[in-house]
Amino acid sequence: MIFGATSRIAARRAFTVSARQSGAHFKEGVYSNIPVKVRNRRIPFAVIHFGYFTLGFLVPFISSYVQLKKSGVL
């Protein structure tokens, strides 16, 4: 009973293309599926990427050094 009603609703469902995909601005290609600009940048993407992670890695060491220096251990 419930399965029959569900299958009738599913059979009536129409699939459509969204307005975003149907527009002329929809591009396909190698870099179309990522949210950041990789090609034709003033600063290369690799510099930003590795700089961000390097800074995140170094912050704990820098803060530890500062705190040890303040306490007089170093």
N, C-alpha and C. Protein backbone atom coordinates (compact mmCIF):
# COMPACT_ATOMS: atom_id res chain seq x y z
N MET A 1 0.82 -1.18 0.00
CA MET A 1 0.00 0.00 0.00
C MET A 1 0.87 1.25 0.00
N ILE A 2 1.76 1.38 0.99
CA ILE A 2 2.63 2.55 1.06
C ILE A 2 3.63 2.53 -0.08
N PHE A 3 4.14 1.36 -0.41
CA PHE A 3 5.11 1.25 -1.49
C PHE A 3 4.50 1.66 -2.83
N GLY A 4 3.26 1.32 -3.05
CA GLY A 4 2.59 1.68 -4.30
C GLY A 4 2.44 3.19 -4.44
N ALA A 5 2.06 3.86 -3.36
CA ALA A 5 1.90 5.32 -3.40
C ALA A 5 3.26 5.99 -3.62
N THR A 6 4.28 5.48 -3.00
CA THR A 6 5.61 6.05 -3.15
C THR A 6 6.12 5.88 -4.57
N SER A 7 5.89 4.73 -5.16
CA SER A 7 6.36 4.51 -6.52
C SER A 7 5.61 5.38 -7.52
N ARG A 8 4.33 5.69 -7.28
CA ARG A 8 3.58 6.56 -8.18
C ARG A 8 4.13 7.99 -8.10
N ILE A 9 4.47 8.45 -6.89
CA ILE A 9 5.03 9.79 -6.74
C ILE A 9 6.39 9.87 -7.41
N ALA A 10 7.21 8.84 -7.25
CA ALA A 10 8.54 8.83 -7.85
C ALA A 10 8.44 8.77 -9.37
N ALA A 11 7.44 8.10 -9.91
CA ALA A 11 7.30 8.00 -11.35
C ALA A 11 6.89 9.34 -11.95
N ARG A 12 6.21 10.19 -11.21
CA ARG A 12 5.77 11.48 -11.73
C ARG A 12 6.85 12.54 -11.64
N ARG A 13 7.90 12.31 -10.91
CA ARG A 13 8.91 13.33 -10.69
C ARG A 13 9.65 13.64 -11.99
N ALA A 14 9.75 14.91 -12.30
CA ALA A 14 10.44 15.34 -13.51
C ALA A 14 11.81 15.90 -13.13
N PHE A 15 12.82 15.48 -13.82
CA PHE A 15 14.17 15.97 -13.56
C PHE A 15 14.46 17.09 -14.54
N THR A 16 14.93 18.23 -14.02
CA THR A 16 15.25 19.37 -14.87
C THR A 16 16.65 19.85 -14.56
N VAL A 17 17.19 20.60 -15.48
CA VAL A 17 18.51 21.19 -15.31
C VAL A 17 18.33 22.51 -14.59
N SER A 18 19.18 22.78 -13.64
CA SER A 18 19.08 24.03 -12.88
C SER A 18 19.44 25.21 -13.78
N ALA A 19 19.03 26.40 -13.38
CA ALA A 19 19.31 27.60 -14.15
C ALA A 19 20.80 27.87 -14.24
N ARG A 20 21.53 27.49 -13.22
CA ARG A 20 22.97 27.72 -13.21
C ARG A 20 23.65 26.90 -14.30
N GLN A 21 23.22 25.67 -14.49
CA GLN A 21 23.85 24.81 -15.47
C GLN A 21 23.37 25.10 -16.89
N SER A 22 22.18 25.63 -17.04
CA SER A 22 21.65 25.83 -18.39
C SER A 22 22.14 27.13 -19.01
N GLY A 23 22.76 28.02 -18.22
CA GLY A 23 23.22 29.30 -18.74
C GLY A 23 24.45 29.16 -19.61
N ALA A 24 24.79 30.25 -20.28
CA ALA A 24 25.95 30.26 -21.17
C ALA A 24 27.25 30.31 -20.38
N HIS A 25 27.20 30.60 -19.08
CA HIS A 25 28.41 30.72 -18.27
C HIS A 25 28.91 29.39 -17.74
N PHE A 26 28.21 28.32 -18.04
CA PHE A 26 28.61 27.01 -17.53
C PHE A 26 29.78 26.50 -18.37
N LYS A 27 30.91 26.25 -17.73
CA LYS A 27 32.11 25.79 -18.42
C LYS A 27 32.46 24.39 -17.95
N GLU A 28 33.03 23.63 -18.83
CA GLU A 28 33.56 22.33 -18.47
C GLU A 28 35.04 22.35 -18.80
N GLY A 29 35.80 21.63 -18.00
CA GLY A 29 37.22 21.58 -18.27
C GLY A 29 37.99 21.13 -17.05
N VAL A 30 39.30 21.26 -17.16
CA VAL A 30 40.19 20.75 -16.13
C VAL A 30 40.01 21.48 -14.82
N TYR A 31 39.90 22.81 -14.83
CA TYR A 31 39.86 23.60 -13.59
C TYR A 31 38.44 24.06 -13.25
N SER A 32 37.42 23.49 -13.83
CA SER A 32 36.05 23.98 -13.61
C SER A 32 35.44 23.47 -12.31
N ASN A 33 36.02 22.46 -11.68
CA ASN A 33 35.40 21.85 -10.51
C ASN A 33 36.04 22.27 -9.19
N ILE A 34 36.86 23.31 -9.18
CA ILE A 34 37.46 23.76 -7.93
C ILE A 34 37.04 25.20 -7.66
N PRO A 35 36.90 25.58 -6.39
CA PRO A 35 36.37 26.91 -6.06
C PRO A 35 37.38 28.05 -6.06
N VAL A 36 38.63 27.79 -6.40
CA VAL A 36 39.63 28.85 -6.41
C VAL A 36 40.22 28.99 -7.80
N LYS A 37 40.72 30.17 -8.09
CA LYS A 37 41.35 30.42 -9.38
C LYS A 37 42.78 29.90 -9.32
N VAL A 38 43.15 29.04 -10.25
CA VAL A 38 44.48 28.44 -10.24
C VAL A 38 45.34 29.00 -11.38
N ARG A 39 44.74 29.21 -12.52
CA ARG A 39 45.49 29.69 -13.68
C ARG A 39 45.40 31.21 -13.77
N ASN A 40 46.43 31.81 -14.35
CA ASN A 40 46.49 33.26 -14.62
C ASN A 40 46.34 34.09 -13.33
N ARG A 41 47.11 33.74 -12.32
CA ARG A 41 47.10 34.50 -11.06
C ARG A 41 48.34 35.36 -10.99
N ARG A 42 48.25 36.51 -10.27
CA ARG A 42 49.43 37.34 -10.05
C ARG A 42 50.44 36.62 -9.15
N ILE A 43 49.93 36.07 -8.04
CA ILE A 43 50.77 35.26 -7.15
C ILE A 43 50.41 33.80 -7.42
N PRO A 44 51.39 32.95 -7.74
CA PRO A 44 51.07 31.55 -8.04
C PRO A 44 50.35 30.86 -6.87
N PHE A 45 49.44 29.97 -7.19
CA PHE A 45 48.64 29.28 -6.19
C PHE A 45 49.50 28.48 -5.23
N ALA A 46 50.59 27.90 -5.72
CA ALA A 46 51.46 27.08 -4.86
C ALA A 46 52.08 27.92 -3.74
N VAL A 47 52.40 29.18 -4.01
CA VAL A 47 52.99 30.05 -2.99
C VAL A 47 51.98 30.30 -1.88
N ILE A 48 50.75 30.59 -2.24
CA ILE A 48 49.70 30.82 -1.25
C ILE A 48 49.44 29.54 -0.44
N HIS A 49 49.33 28.43 -1.15
CA HIS A 49 49.00 27.14 -0.51
C HIS A 49 50.08 26.73 0.49
N PHE A 50 51.31 26.66 0.05
CA PHE A 50 52.38 26.20 0.93
C PHE A 50 52.73 27.25 1.99
N GLY A 51 52.56 28.52 1.69
CA GLY A 51 52.78 29.56 2.68
C GLY A 51 51.78 29.46 3.83
N TYR A 52 50.52 29.20 3.51
CA TYR A 52 49.48 29.06 4.52
C TYR A 52 49.78 27.90 5.46
N PHE A 53 50.15 26.75 4.91
CA PHE A 53 50.42 25.59 5.75
C PHE A 53 51.74 25.71 6.49
N THR A 54 52.71 26.38 5.91
CA THR A 54 53.98 26.61 6.61
C THR A 54 53.77 27.52 7.82
N LEU A 55 53.01 28.58 7.62
CA LEU A 55 52.71 29.48 8.73
C LEU A 55 51.95 28.75 9.83
N GLY A 56 50.97 27.93 9.46
CA GLY A 56 50.22 27.16 10.45
C GLY A 56 51.08 26.16 11.20
N PHE A 57 52.09 25.64 10.53
CA PHE A 57 53.00 24.70 11.19
C PHE A 57 53.95 25.42 12.14
N LEU A 58 54.38 26.62 11.76
CA LEU A 58 55.39 27.33 12.55
C LEU A 58 54.82 28.09 13.75
N VAL A 59 53.56 28.44 13.75
CA VAL A 59 52.97 29.23 14.83
C VAL A 59 53.16 28.59 16.21
N PRO A 60 52.93 27.29 16.40
CA PRO A 60 53.15 26.71 17.74
C PRO A 60 54.61 26.80 18.20
N PHE A 61 55.55 26.64 17.27
CA PHE A 61 56.96 26.71 17.65
C PHE A 61 57.36 28.14 18.01
N ILE A 62 56.86 29.09 17.25
CA ILE A 62 57.17 30.50 17.54
C ILE A 62 56.57 30.91 18.88
N SER A 63 55.32 30.52 19.13
CA SER A 63 54.69 30.89 20.40
C SER A 63 55.36 30.20 21.58
N SER A 64 55.82 28.97 21.39
CA SER A 64 56.54 28.28 22.47
C SER A 64 57.87 28.98 22.78
N TYR A 65 58.56 29.40 21.73
CA TYR A 65 59.82 30.12 21.93
C TYR A 65 59.59 31.42 22.70
N VAL A 66 58.56 32.16 22.31
CA VAL A 66 58.27 33.43 22.98
C VAL A 66 57.94 33.21 24.45
N GLN A 67 57.13 32.20 24.75
CA GLN A 67 56.75 31.94 26.13
C GLN A 67 57.94 31.47 26.97
N LEU A 68 58.79 30.62 26.38
CA LEU A 68 59.99 30.17 27.10
C LEU A 68 60.96 31.34 27.34
N LYS A 69 61.07 32.23 26.38
CA LYS A 69 61.93 33.39 26.52
C LYS A 69 61.43 34.32 27.63
N LYS A 70 60.08 34.51 27.69
CA LYS A 70 59.50 35.35 28.73
C LYS A 70 59.70 34.77 30.13
N SER A 71 59.65 33.43 30.23
CA SER A 71 59.78 32.82 31.54
C SER A 71 61.23 32.74 32.02
N GLY A 72 62.17 32.99 31.12
CA GLY A 72 63.57 33.00 31.51
C GLY A 72 64.27 31.67 31.34
N VAL A 73 63.63 30.69 30.77
CA VAL A 73 64.27 29.40 30.57
C VAL A 73 65.31 29.49 29.46
N LEU A 74 65.05 30.25 28.46
CA LEU A 74 66.02 30.39 27.35
C LEU A 74 66.89 31.61 27.54
